[in-house]
C-alpha atoms as a PDB file:
ATOM      1  CA  MET A   1     -87.711   5.322  -8.905  1.00  0.00           C
ATOM      2  CA  GLY A   2     -85.247   7.761  -7.348  1.00  0.00           C
ATOM      3  CA  ASP A   3     -85.042   8.589  -3.679  1.00  0.00           C
ATOM      4  CA  THR A   4     -88.485   8.870  -2.080  1.00  0.00           C
ATOM      5  CA  ASN A   5     -87.268  11.541   0.344  1.00  0.00           C
ATOM      6  CA  LEU A   6     -86.952  13.627  -2.760  1.00  0.00           C
ATOM      7  CA  TRP A   7     -90.528  14.899  -2.614  1.00  0.00           C
ATOM      8  CA  GLY A   8     -91.785  17.942  -0.798  1.00  0.00           C
ATOM      9  CA  PRO A   9     -95.092  17.720   1.104  1.00  0.00           C
ATOM     10  CA  ALA A  10     -97.066  19.859  -1.390  1.00  0.00           C
ATOM     11  CA  THR A  11     -96.758  21.320  -4.877  1.00  0.00           C
ATOM     12  CA  GLY A  12     -98.841  22.667  -7.767  1.00  0.00           C
ATOM     13  CA  VAL A  13    -100.176  20.849 -10.823  1.00  0.00           C
ATOM     14  CA  GLY A  14     -98.824  23.167 -13.534  1.00  0.00           C
ATOM     15  CA  SER A  15    -100.883  26.073 -14.810  1.00  0.00           C
ATOM     16  CA  LEU A  16    -101.469  29.447 -13.148  1.00  0.00           C
ATOM     17  CA  PRO A  17    -103.594  32.441 -14.197  1.00  0.00           C
ATOM     18  CA  GLY A  18    -102.074  35.563 -15.757  1.00  0.00           C
ATOM     19  CA  GLY A  19     -99.257  36.054 -18.221  1.00  0.00           C
ATOM     20  CA  ASP A  20     -96.287  37.341 -16.220  1.00  0.00           C
ATOM     21  CA  ALA A  21     -93.529  34.735 -15.930  1.00  0.00           C
ATOM     22  CA  ARG A  22     -91.651  36.510 -13.118  1.00  0.00           C
ATOM     23  CA  GLU A  23     -94.811  36.964 -11.056  1.00  0.00           C
ATOM     24  CA  ALA A  24     -95.614  33.248 -11.509  1.00  0.00           C
ATOM     25  CA  ALA A  25     -92.096  32.105 -10.548  1.00  0.00           C
ATOM     26  CA  LYS A  26     -92.181  34.349  -7.497  1.00  0.00           C
ATOM     27  CA  THR A  27     -95.570  32.954  -6.405  1.00  0.00           C
ATOM     28  CA  VAL A  28     -94.487  29.338  -6.902  1.00  0.00           C
ATOM     29  CA  THR A  29     -91.130  29.605  -5.131  1.00  0.00           C
ATOM     30  CA  GLY A  30     -92.706  31.656  -2.338  1.00  0.00           C
ATOM     31  CA  SER A  31     -95.492  29.087  -1.831  1.00  0.00           C
ATOM     32  CA  PHE A  32     -93.496  25.855  -2.154  1.00  0.00           C
ATOM     33  CA  GLU A  33     -90.090  26.246  -0.545  1.00  0.00           C
ATOM     34  CA  ASP A  34     -89.606  22.444  -0.626  1.00  0.00           C
ATOM     35  CA  PHE A  35     -91.105  21.503  -3.995  1.00  0.00           C
ATOM     36  CA  PRO A  36     -91.425  24.336  -6.566  1.00  0.00           C
ATOM     37  CA  PHE A  37     -92.508  23.718 -10.167  1.00  0.00           C
ATOM     38  CA  LEU A  38     -92.108  25.451 -13.514  1.00  0.00           C
ATOM     39  CA  ALA A  39     -95.410  27.322 -13.939  1.00  0.00           C
ATOM     40  CA  GLU A  40     -97.375  27.292 -17.187  1.00  0.00           C
ATOM     41  CA  LEU A  41     -99.348  30.403 -18.205  1.00  0.00           C
ATOM     42  CA  PRO A  42    -101.839  29.418 -20.928  1.00  0.00           C
ATOM     43  CA  ALA A  43    -103.592  32.840 -20.818  1.00  0.00           C
ATOM     44  CA  ARG A  44    -100.726  34.162 -22.986  1.00  0.00           C
ATOM     45  CA  GLY A  45    -102.287  32.397 -25.973  1.00  0.00           C
ATOM     46  CA  PRO A  46    -101.511  29.549 -28.415  1.00  0.00           C
ATOM     47  CA  GLY A  47     -98.077  28.127 -27.645  1.00  0.00           C
ATOM     48  CA  ALA A  48     -98.490  28.751 -23.925  1.00  0.00           C
ATOM     49  CA  ASP A  49    -101.323  26.200 -23.789  1.00  0.00           C
ATOM     50  CA  MET A  50    -100.488  22.712 -22.561  1.00  0.00           C
ATOM     51  CA  ILE A  51    -100.352  21.116 -26.046  1.00  0.00           C
ATOM     52  CA  GLY A  52     -98.563  24.011 -27.767  1.00  0.00           C
ATOM     53  CA  ARG A  53     -95.954  24.271 -25.044  1.00  0.00           C
ATOM     54  CA  THR A  54     -95.058  20.587 -25.408  1.00  0.00           C
ATOM     55  CA  ILE A  55     -95.040  20.834 -29.219  1.00  0.00           C
ATOM     56  CA  GLY A  56     -92.388  23.533 -28.769  1.00  0.00           C
ATOM     57  CA  MET A  57     -90.206  20.916 -27.017  1.00  0.00           C
ATOM     58  CA  LEU A  58     -90.443  18.294 -29.798  1.00  0.00           C
ATOM     59  CA  VAL A  59     -87.347  17.413 -31.829  1.00  0.00           C
ATOM     60  CA  ASP A  60     -87.628  17.331 -35.660  1.00  0.00           C
ATOM     61  CA  LEU A  61     -91.411  17.591 -35.482  1.00  0.00           C
ATOM     62  CA  TYR A  62     -93.296  20.849 -35.976  1.00  0.00           C
ATOM     63  CA  ALA A  63     -96.879  22.055 -35.793  1.00  0.00           C
ATOM     64  CA  HIS A  64     -98.930  25.212 -36.271  1.00  0.00           C
ATOM     65  CA  VAL A  65    -102.328  26.378 -35.039  1.00  0.00           C
ATOM     66  CA  GLU A  66    -105.436  25.748 -37.145  1.00  0.00           C
ATOM     67  CA  PRO A  67    -108.979  26.698 -36.027  1.00  0.00           C
ATOM     68  CA  SER A  68    -109.433  23.045 -34.996  1.00  0.00           C
ATOM     69  CA  GLY A  69    -106.187  22.853 -32.990  1.00  0.00           C
ATOM     70  CA  TRP A  70    -102.507  22.065 -33.505  1.00  0.00           C
ATOM     71  CA  ARG A  71    -101.572  20.481 -36.847  1.00  0.00           C
ATOM     72  CA  ILE A  72     -98.292  18.974 -38.077  1.00  0.00           C
ATOM     73  CA  SER A  73     -96.217  21.250 -40.363  1.00  0.00           C
ATOM     74  CA  ASP A  74     -92.980  20.905 -42.347  1.00  0.00           C
ATOM     75  CA  ARG A  75     -90.977  23.442 -40.367  1.00  0.00           C
ATOM     76  CA  ALA A  76     -90.975  25.515 -37.211  1.00  0.00           C
ATOM     77  CA  GLY A  77     -93.366  28.386 -37.901  1.00  0.00           C
ATOM     78  CA  ARG A  78     -94.469  31.347 -35.820  1.00  0.00           C
ATOM     79  CA  ASP A  79     -96.566  29.290 -33.377  1.00  0.00           C
ATOM     80  CA  THR A  80     -93.758  26.869 -32.477  1.00  0.00           C
ATOM     81  CA  LYS A  81     -91.253  29.719 -32.152  1.00  0.00           C
ATOM     82  CA  ARG A  82     -93.590  31.547 -29.807  1.00  0.00           C
ATOM     83  CA  ALA A  83     -94.010  28.416 -27.671  1.00  0.00           C
ATOM     84  CA  ARG A  84     -90.217  28.068 -27.387  1.00  0.00           C
ATOM     85  CA  SER A  85     -89.728  31.709 -26.560  1.00  0.00           C
ATOM     86  CA  TRP A  86     -92.314  31.593 -23.741  1.00  0.00           C
ATOM     87  CA  LEU A  87     -90.743  28.440 -22.329  1.00  0.00           C
ATOM     88  CA  GLY A  88     -87.380  30.246 -22.360  1.00  0.00           C
ATOM     89  CA  GLU A  89     -88.945  33.195 -20.519  1.00  0.00           C
ATOM     90  CA  ASP A  90     -90.411  30.844 -17.900  1.00  0.00           C
ATOM     91  CA  LEU A  91     -87.039  29.155 -17.384  1.00  0.00           C
ATOM     92  CA  ASP A  92     -85.322  32.556 -17.035  1.00  0.00           C
ATOM     93  CA  ALA A  93     -87.820  33.568 -14.345  1.00  0.00           C
ATOM     94  CA  LEU A  94     -87.527  30.250 -12.511  1.00  0.00           C
ATOM     95  CA  GLU A  95     -83.730  30.468 -12.590  1.00  0.00           C
ATOM     96  CA  GLU A  96     -83.891  33.961 -11.088  1.00  0.00           C
ATOM     97  CA  PHE A  97     -86.073  32.873  -8.154  1.00  0.00           C
ATOM     98  CA  THR A  98     -84.307  29.550  -7.431  1.00  0.00           C
ATOM     99  CA  GLN A  99     -80.772  30.886  -6.876  1.00  0.00           C
ATOM    100  CA  GLY A 100     -79.059  28.477  -4.468  1.00  0.00           C
ATOM    101  CA  TYR A 101     -82.113  26.184  -4.324  1.00  0.00           C
ATOM    102  CA  GLU A 102     -81.427  22.509  -3.676  1.00  0.00           C
ATOM    103  CA  GLY A 103     -84.152  19.879  -3.800  1.00  0.00           C
ATOM    104  CA  PRO A 104     -86.965  18.577  -5.982  1.00  0.00           C
ATOM    105  CA  LEU A 105     -88.162  20.785  -8.835  1.00  0.00           C
ATOM    106  CA  LYS A 106     -91.064  19.700 -11.037  1.00  0.00           C
ATOM    107  CA  VAL A 107     -91.542  20.350 -14.748  1.00  0.00           C
ATOM    108  CA  GLN A 108     -94.615  19.321 -16.727  1.00  0.00           C
ATOM    109  CA  ALA A 109     -95.136  18.224 -20.323  1.00  0.00           C
ATOM    110  CA  VAL A 110     -97.994  16.519 -22.129  1.00  0.00           C
ATOM    111  CA  GLY A 111     -97.533  12.739 -22.318  1.00  0.00           C
ATOM    112  CA  PRO A 112     -97.395  10.816 -25.618  1.00  0.00           C
ATOM    113  CA  TRP A 113    -101.044   9.669 -25.671  1.00  0.00           C
ATOM    114  CA  THR A 114    -102.768  12.947 -24.859  1.00  0.00           C
ATOM    115  CA  LEU A 115    -100.442  14.542 -27.412  1.00  0.00           C
ATOM    116  CA  ALA A 116    -101.397  11.918 -30.046  1.00  0.00           C
ATOM    117  CA  ALA A 117    -105.090  12.520 -29.311  1.00  0.00           C
ATOM    118  CA  ALA A 118    -104.695  16.311 -29.708  1.00  0.00           C
ATOM    119  CA  LEU A 119    -102.194  16.748 -32.535  1.00  0.00           C
ATOM    120  CA  GLU A 120    -103.631  16.625 -36.061  1.00  0.00           C
ATOM    121  CA  LEU A 121    -101.861  15.066 -39.026  1.00  0.00           C
ATOM    122  CA  ARG A 122    -101.892  16.991 -42.300  1.00  0.00           C
ATOM    123  CA  GLY A 123    -105.292  15.555 -43.296  1.00  0.00           C
ATOM    124  CA  GLY A 124    -106.888  16.836 -40.098  1.00  0.00           C
ATOM    125  CA  GLU A 125    -107.265  13.535 -38.212  1.00  0.00           C
ATOM    126  CA  ALA A 126    -105.540  13.015 -34.869  1.00  0.00           C
ATOM    127  CA  ALA A 127    -102.143  11.290 -34.874  1.00  0.00           C
ATOM    128  CA  LEU A 128    -103.805   8.757 -32.554  1.00  0.00           C
ATOM    129  CA  GLY A 129    -105.339   6.957 -35.552  1.00  0.00           C
ATOM    130  CA  ASP A 130    -101.916   6.234 -37.089  1.00  0.00           C
ATOM    131  CA  ALA A 131     -99.642   3.825 -35.194  1.00  0.00           C
ATOM    132  CA  GLY A 132     -96.504   5.019 -37.020  1.00  0.00           C
ATOM    133  CA  ALA A 133     -97.298   8.652 -36.230  1.00  0.00           C
ATOM    134  CA  CYS A 134     -97.797   7.734 -32.559  1.00  0.00           C
ATOM    135  CA  ARG A 135     -94.358   6.084 -32.467  1.00  0.00           C
ATOM    136  CA  ASP A 136     -92.687   9.092 -34.144  1.00  0.00           C
ATOM    137  CA  LEU A 137     -94.411  11.458 -31.760  1.00  0.00           C
ATOM    138  CA  ALA A 138     -93.322   9.502 -28.667  1.00  0.00           C
ATOM    139  CA  GLY A 139     -89.735   9.353 -29.969  1.00  0.00           C
ATOM    140  CA  SER A 140     -89.634  13.082 -30.704  1.00  0.00           C
ATOM    141  CA  LEU A 141     -91.147  13.850 -27.287  1.00  0.00           C
ATOM    142  CA  ALA A 142     -88.554  11.684 -25.523  1.00  0.00           C
ATOM    143  CA  GLU A 143     -85.698  13.548 -27.258  1.00  0.00           C
ATOM    144  CA  GLY A 144     -87.257  16.915 -26.485  1.00  0.00           C
ATOM    145  CA  LEU A 145     -87.747  16.055 -22.815  1.00  0.00           C
ATOM    146  CA  ARG A 146     -84.153  14.882 -22.502  1.00  0.00           C
ATOM    147  CA  ALA A 147     -82.992  18.311 -23.728  1.00  0.00           C
ATOM    148  CA  HIS A 148     -85.507  20.156 -21.514  1.00  0.00           C
ATOM    149  CA  LEU A 149     -84.334  18.310 -18.385  1.00  0.00           C
ATOM    150  CA  ALA A 150     -80.679  18.999 -19.254  1.00  0.00           C
ATOM    151  CA  GLU A 151     -81.510  22.701 -19.633  1.00  0.00           C
ATOM    152  CA  LEU A 152     -83.250  22.696 -16.254  1.00  0.00           C
ATOM    153  CA  ARG A 153     -80.213  21.118 -14.561  1.00  0.00           C
ATOM    154  CA  LYS A 154     -77.940  23.723 -16.132  1.00  0.00           C
ATOM    155  CA  ARG A 155     -80.074  26.617 -14.918  1.00  0.00           C
ATOM    156  CA  VAL A 156     -80.812  25.247 -11.431  1.00  0.00           C
ATOM    157  CA  PRO A 157     -77.765  23.089 -10.609  1.00  0.00           C
ATOM    158  CA  GLY A 158     -79.082  22.134  -7.155  1.00  0.00           C
ATOM    159  CA  ALA A 159     -82.393  20.869  -8.543  1.00  0.00           C
ATOM    160  CA  GLN A 160     -83.431  17.234  -8.538  1.00  0.00           C
ATOM    161  CA  PRO A 161     -85.831  17.330 -11.491  1.00  0.00           C
ATOM    162  CA  VAL A 162     -89.174  15.572 -11.206  1.00  0.00           C
ATOM    163  CA  LEU A 163     -90.843  15.084 -14.590  1.00  0.00           C
ATOM    164  CA  GLN A 164     -94.642  15.212 -14.751  1.00  0.00           C
ATOM    165  CA  LEU A 165     -96.390  13.858 -17.838  1.00  0.00           C
ATOM    166  CA  ASP A 166     -99.906  15.247 -18.274  1.00  0.00           C
ATOM    167  CA  GLU A 167    -102.191  12.500 -19.610  1.00  0.00           C
ATOM    168  CA  PRO A 168    -105.803  13.661 -19.194  1.00  0.00           C
ATOM    169  CA  SER A 169    -106.853  11.787 -22.387  1.00  0.00           C
ATOM    170  CA  LEU A 170    -105.230   8.484 -21.391  1.00  0.00           C
ATOM    171  CA  THR A 171    -108.420   6.741 -20.223  1.00  0.00           C
ATOM    172  CA  ALA A 172    -110.279   7.883 -23.370  1.00  0.00           C
ATOM    173  CA  VAL A 173    -107.414   6.513 -25.514  1.00  0.00           C
ATOM    174  CA  LEU A 174    -107.545   3.129 -23.720  1.00  0.00           C
ATOM    175  CA  ARG A 175    -111.337   2.922 -24.056  1.00  0.00           C
ATOM    176  CA  GLY A 176    -111.709   4.134 -27.634  1.00  0.00           C
ATOM    177  CA  HIS A 177    -113.562   7.315 -26.622  1.00  0.00           C
ATOM    178  CA  VAL A 178    -111.465   9.878 -28.546  1.00  0.00           C
ATOM    179  CA  ARG A 179    -113.629  11.386 -31.301  1.00  0.00           C
ATOM    180  CA  THR A 180    -112.518  11.608 -34.922  1.00  0.00           C
ATOM    181  CA  ALA A 181    -112.437  14.983 -36.733  1.00  0.00           C
ATOM    182  CA  SER A 182    -116.038  14.575 -38.000  1.00  0.00           C
ATOM    183  CA  GLY A 183    -117.214  13.926 -34.452  1.00  0.00           C
ATOM    184  CA  TYR A 184    -119.347  11.010 -35.673  1.00  0.00           C
ATOM    185  CA  ARG A 185    -116.919   8.214 -34.946  1.00  0.00           C
ATOM    186  CA  THR A 186    -114.280   7.485 -32.340  1.00  0.00           C
ATOM    187  CA  HIS A 187    -110.727   6.248 -32.768  1.00  0.00           C
ATOM    188  CA  ARG A 188    -110.216   2.565 -31.982  1.00  0.00           C
ATOM    189  CA  ALA A 189    -109.036   1.800 -28.456  1.00  0.00           C
ATOM    190  CA  VAL A 190    -105.242   1.525 -28.325  1.00  0.00           C
ATOM    191  CA  ASP A 191    -103.924  -1.783 -26.970  1.00  0.00           C
ATOM    192  CA  ARG A 192    -102.878  -1.496 -23.299  1.00  0.00           C
ATOM    193  CA  GLN A 193     -99.460  -2.997 -24.012  1.00  0.00           C
ATOM    194  CA  VAL A 194     -98.783  -0.404 -26.714  1.00  0.00           C
ATOM    195  CA  VAL A 195     -99.893   2.400 -24.398  1.00  0.00           C
ATOM    196  CA  GLU A 196     -97.735   1.119 -21.554  1.00  0.00           C
ATOM    197  CA  SER A 197     -94.694   0.611 -23.746  1.00  0.00           C
ATOM    198  CA  ALA A 198     -94.758   4.162 -25.212  1.00  0.00           C
ATOM    199  CA  LEU A 199     -95.139   5.610 -21.716  1.00  0.00           C
ATOM    200  CA  ARG A 200     -92.233   3.499 -20.482  1.00  0.00           C
ATOM    201  CA  ASP A 201     -90.014   4.688 -23.370  1.00  0.00           C
ATOM    202  CA  VAL A 202     -90.792   8.347 -22.706  1.00  0.00           C
ATOM    203  CA  MET A 203     -90.261   7.960 -18.933  1.00  0.00           C
ATOM    204  CA  ALA A 204     -86.912   6.273 -19.566  1.00  0.00           C
ATOM    205  CA  VAL A 205     -85.333   9.576 -20.691  1.00  0.00           C
ATOM    206  CA  HIS A 206     -85.314  10.776 -17.076  1.00  0.00           C
ATOM    207  CA  ASP A 207     -83.043   9.179 -14.497  1.00  0.00           C
ATOM    208  CA  GLY A 208     -85.120  10.745 -11.713  1.00  0.00           C
ATOM    209  CA  PRO A 209     -88.759  10.220 -10.765  1.00  0.00           C
ATOM    210  CA  VAL A 210     -91.633  10.608 -13.217  1.00  0.00           C
ATOM    211  CA  VAL A 211     -95.178  11.475 -12.147  1.00  0.00           C
ATOM    212  CA  VAL A 212     -98.188  11.030 -14.423  1.00  0.00           C
ATOM    213  CA  HIS A 213    -101.035  13.525 -13.979  1.00  0.00           C
ATOM    214  CA  SER A 214    -104.658  13.185 -15.022  1.00  0.00           C
ATOM    215  CA  CYS A 215    -107.608  15.086 -13.631  1.00  0.00           C
ATOM    216  CA  ALA A 216    -110.046  12.848 -15.558  1.00  0.00           C
ATOM    217  CA  PRO A 217    -111.991   9.993 -13.900  1.00  0.00           C
ATOM    218  CA  ASP A 218    -110.756   6.366 -13.888  1.00  0.00           C
ATOM    219  CA  VAL A 219    -106.999   6.967 -13.800  1.00  0.00           C
ATOM    220  CA  PRO A 220    -105.303   3.642 -14.724  1.00  0.00           C
ATOM    221  CA  PHE A 221    -103.150   3.396 -11.576  1.00  0.00           C
ATOM    222  CA  ALA A 222    -101.871  -0.166 -12.184  1.00  0.00           C
ATOM    223  CA  LEU A 223    -100.887   0.506 -15.808  1.00  0.00           C
ATOM    224  CA  LEU A 224     -99.023   3.689 -14.860  1.00  0.00           C
ATOM    225  CA  ARG A 225     -97.177   1.864 -12.108  1.00  0.00           C
ATOM    226  CA  ARG A 226     -96.117  -0.919 -14.506  1.00  0.00           C
ATOM    227  CA  ALA A 227     -94.930   1.703 -17.013  1.00  0.00           C
ATOM    228  CA  GLY A 228     -92.567   3.047 -14.336  1.00  0.00           C
ATOM    229  CA  ALA A 229     -94.379   6.029 -12.806  1.00  0.00           C
ATOM    230  CA  ALA A 230     -92.971   6.859  -9.373  1.00  0.00           C
ATOM    231  CA  GLY A 231     -96.056   8.967  -8.637  1.00  0.00           C
ATOM    232  CA  VAL A 232     -99.603   9.487  -9.870  1.00  0.00           C
ATOM    233  CA  SER A 233    -101.292  12.898  -9.722  1.00  0.00           C
ATOM    234  CA  PHE A 234    -105.104  12.951  -9.783  1.00  0.00           C
ATOM    235  CA  ASP A 235    -108.273  14.772  -8.751  1.00  0.00           C
ATOM    236  CA  PHE A 236    -109.124  13.157  -5.410  1.00  0.00           C
ATOM    237  CA  SER A 237    -112.832  14.070  -5.684  1.00  0.00           C
ATOM    238  CA  LEU A 238    -113.223  11.820  -8.770  1.00  0.00           C
ATOM    239  CA  LEU A 239    -112.133   8.617  -7.020  1.00  0.00           C
ATOM    240  CA  THR A 240    -114.695   5.825  -6.796  1.00  0.00           C
ATOM    241  CA  GLU A 241    -114.697   2.527  -4.890  1.00  0.00           C
ATOM    242  CA  ARG A 242    -113.274   0.876  -8.009  1.00  0.00           C
ATOM    243  CA  ASP A 243    -110.074   2.902  -7.579  1.00  0.00           C
ATOM    244  CA  GLU A 244    -109.453   1.844  -3.988  1.00  0.00           C
ATOM    245  CA  GLU A 245    -107.755  -1.500  -4.542  1.00  0.00           C
ATOM    246  CA  PRO A 246    -105.335  -0.211  -7.244  1.00  0.00           C
ATOM    247  CA  ILE A 247    -104.516   2.763  -4.983  1.00  0.00           C
ATOM    248  CA  GLY A 248    -103.823   0.506  -2.010  1.00  0.00           C
ATOM    249  CA  GLU A 249    -101.528  -1.644  -4.159  1.00  0.00           C
ATOM    250  CA  ALA A 250     -99.783   1.455  -5.517  1.00  0.00           C
ATOM    251  CA  VAL A 251     -99.129   2.842  -2.026  1.00  0.00           C
ATOM    252  CA  GLU A 252     -97.785  -0.495  -0.798  1.00  0.00           C
ATOM    253  CA  ALA A 253     -95.455  -0.630  -3.823  1.00  0.00           C
ATOM    254  CA  GLY A 254     -94.058   2.798  -2.874  1.00  0.00           C
ATOM    255  CA  THR A 255     -95.895   4.924  -5.449  1.00  0.00           C
ATOM    256  CA  LYS A 256     -96.412   8.546  -4.394  1.00  0.00           C
ATOM    257  CA  LEU A 257     -99.958   9.860  -4.542  1.00  0.00           C
ATOM    258  CA  PHE A 258    -100.205  13.471  -5.656  1.00  0.00           C
ATOM    259  CA  ALA A 259    -103.671  13.972  -4.169  1.00  0.00           C
ATOM    260  CA  GLY A 260    -105.563  16.857  -5.760  1.00  0.00           C
ATOM    261  CA  VAL A 261    -107.689  17.900  -2.803  1.00  0.00           C
ATOM    262  CA  VAL A 262    -107.854  21.717  -3.091  1.00  0.00           C
ATOM    263  CA  PRO A 263    -110.401  22.955  -5.694  1.00  0.00           C
ATOM    264  CA  SER A 264    -108.761  24.495  -8.761  1.00  0.00           C
ATOM    265  CA  THR A 265    -111.347  27.251  -9.347  1.00  0.00           C
ATOM    266  CA  ASP A 266    -112.471  30.017  -7.002  1.00  0.00           C
ATOM    267  CA  THR A 267    -114.418  28.804  -4.008  1.00  0.00           C
ATOM    268  CA  ALA A 268    -114.472  29.272  -0.238  1.00  0.00           C
ATOM    269  CA  LEU A 269    -111.670  27.097   1.166  1.00  0.00           C
ATOM    270  CA  SER A 270    -112.434  24.891   4.169  1.00  0.00           C
ATOM    271  CA  ASP A 271    -109.956  24.519   7.008  1.00  0.00           C
ATOM    272  CA  PRO A 272    -106.743  22.763   5.863  1.00  0.00           C
ATOM    273  CA  GLY A 273    -107.524  19.687   7.992  1.00  0.00           C
ATOM    274  CA  GLY A 274    -110.902  19.373   6.290  1.00  0.00           C
ATOM    275  CA  SER A 275    -109.237  19.354   2.859  1.00  0.00           C
ATOM    276  CA  VAL A 276    -107.318  16.170   3.668  1.00  0.00           C
ATOM    277  CA  MET A 277    -110.046  14.413   5.646  1.00  0.00           C
ATOM    278  CA  GLY A 278    -110.924  12.251   2.625  1.00  0.00           C
ATOM    279  CA  VAL A 279    -107.308  11.108   2.350  1.00  0.00           C
ATOM    280  CA  ARG A 280    -107.285  10.038   6.029  1.00  0.00           C
ATOM    281  CA  THR A 281    -110.590   8.208   5.564  1.00  0.00           C
ATOM    282  CA  LEU A 282    -109.286   6.380   2.482  1.00  0.00           C
ATOM    283  CA  TRP A 283    -106.196   5.285   4.440  1.00  0.00           C
ATOM    284  CA  ARG A 284    -108.421   3.839   7.174  1.00  0.00           C
ATOM    285  CA  ARG A 285    -110.647   2.031   4.683  1.00  0.00           C
ATOM    286  CA  LEU A 286    -107.603   0.515   2.963  1.00  0.00           C
ATOM    287  CA  GLY A 287    -106.169  -0.544   6.325  1.00  0.00           C
ATOM    288  CA  LEU A 288    -102.922   1.333   5.632  1.00  0.00           C
ATOM    289  CA  ASN A 289    -100.680   2.541   8.437  1.00  0.00           C
ATOM    290  CA  PRO A 290    -101.517   6.229   9.208  1.00  0.00           C
ATOM    291  CA  GLY A 291     -97.828   6.773   9.970  1.00  0.00           C
ATOM    292  CA  THR A 292     -97.087   6.383   6.237  1.00  0.00           C
ATOM    293  CA  LEU A 293     -99.589   9.034   5.153  1.00  0.00           C
ATOM    294  CA  ALA A 294     -97.310  12.051   5.039  1.00  0.00           C
ATOM    295  CA  GLU A 295     -94.535  10.182   3.226  1.00  0.00           C
ATOM    296  CA  SER A 296     -96.924   8.651   0.666  1.00  0.00           C
ATOM    297  CA  VAL A 297     -98.947  11.757  -0.200  1.00  0.00           C
ATOM    298  CA  VAL A 298     -98.064  15.065  -1.854  1.00  0.00           C
ATOM    299  CA  VAL A 299    -100.930  17.574  -1.552  1.00  0.00           C
ATOM    300  CA  THR A 300    -101.874  19.526  -4.711  1.00  0.00           C
ATOM    301  CA  PRO A 301    -104.807  21.443  -6.209  1.00  0.00           C
ATOM    302  CA  SER A 302    -107.304  19.177  -8.006  1.00  0.00           C
ATOM    303  CA  CYS A 303    -106.044  20.372 -11.415  1.00  0.00           C
ATOM    304  CA  GLY A 304    -104.230  23.307 -13.008  1.00  0.00           C
ATOM    305  CA  LEU A 305    -105.182  26.782 -11.720  1.00  0.00           C
ATOM    306  CA  ALA A 306    -105.401  28.587 -15.083  1.00  0.00           C
ATOM    307  CA  GLY A 307    -109.142  29.147 -14.618  1.00  0.00           C
ATOM    308  CA  ALA A 308    -108.787  30.697 -11.139  1.00  0.00           C
ATOM    309  CA  SER A 309    -108.405  34.354 -10.170  1.00  0.00           C
ATOM    310  CA  PRO A 310    -104.808  35.310  -9.267  1.00  0.00           C
ATOM    311  CA  ALA A 311    -105.807  35.869  -5.619  1.00  0.00           C
ATOM    312  CA  TYR A 312    -107.521  32.483  -5.380  1.00  0.00           C
ATOM    313  CA  ALA A 313    -104.582  30.735  -7.091  1.00  0.00           C
ATOM    314  CA  ARG A 314    -102.191  32.117  -4.455  1.00  0.00           C
ATOM    315  CA  ALA A 315    -104.587  31.151  -1.652  1.00  0.00           C
ATOM    316  CA  ALA A 316    -105.004  27.625  -3.064  1.00  0.00           C
ATOM    317  CA  LEU A 317    -101.218  27.049  -3.200  1.00  0.00           C
ATOM    318  CA  ALA A 318    -100.804  28.265   0.392  1.00  0.00           C
ATOM    319  CA  HIS A 319    -103.733  26.062   1.405  1.00  0.00           C
ATOM    320  CA  CYS A 320    -102.001  22.977  -0.080  1.00  0.00           C
ATOM    321  CA  VAL A 321     -98.974  23.618   2.134  1.00  0.00           C
ATOM    322  CA  ARG A 322    -101.138  23.987   5.268  1.00  0.00           C
ATOM    323  CA  ALA A 323    -103.209  20.897   4.392  1.00  0.00           C
ATOM    324  CA  ALA A 324     -99.990  18.855   3.961  1.00  0.00           C
ATOM    325  CA  ARG A 325     -98.818  20.068   7.368  1.00  0.00           C
ATOM    326  CA  SER A 326    -102.122  18.988   8.912  1.00  0.00           C
ATOM    327  CA  LEU A 327    -101.670  15.531   7.367  1.00  0.00           C
ATOM    328  CA  ALA A 328     -98.169  15.219   8.796  1.00  0.00           C
ATOM    329  CA  ASP A 329     -99.163  16.487  12.267  1.00  0.00           C
ATOM    330  CA  ASN A 330    -102.443  14.529  12.656  1.00  0.00           C
ATOM    331  CA  PRO A 331    -102.383  11.480  10.397  1.00  0.00           C
ATOM    332  CA  GLU A 332    -105.132   9.695  12.376  1.00  0.00           C
END
């Protein structure tokens, strides 16, 4: 699990608007002095998107862009090379703005199941439909993440890396809701044990904490906890009563909640205290000790900020920090 004092009070989810790596690194390190993250800039194009960026990290597995999405190839082509080059640029920028930094530093990659649902095999169907392909993909991802984390440690020696796996398709994979290429059928639901085991194997490459992010409804809190997630990142506005018991159990077991409470697209922001009111209310309903709120919760935007204006994205990050402060100062 790693040391729980490792976390800062607030951080971002991953993506930011724009295409300038230095500008993004400057914004992130300026906003989150205690918990910066490696920004993703999907506006740059294919390879900077969430899936393409992670495909660039894979070991001995390559893909290229087709009109329908990313498809497996025999070698590293232009698209994969571009993904790697942008990731290198982002790391350069982060290194420049984290000189002398010591503390938690978050990096994001797509988890094995969302990757399997998005990546097409040569015939055009998702890897998700082929158990062997899913295993290969998870293995390649684990190797790639091990190298990525080592690179991060080399560039920012004082960093305590926190690995975030983005799994927005996880619930659809568990329920058999991922559509086939024709769109007429769906892939069979993947067995929960198989899902949990692949997640556990990928998480095992990191000796620090791993957070799993999904801004889809019905996040499987209990499954993620069993797989070894030290934190779960989610869109707080999508919670239903059904989620309350698993969340209460997660908190009592020491799981960090990365509560996405600040909207991720342009809107008028309420006062910071208002943004975390729902979190306080949930704590009361669950009968949890308000004194544990600030140490159990990391405040984030509800999802990535790629769809926001640059001005709103900066405001939203600053708002997360103020909302986290409000939670710490007035937990009741």
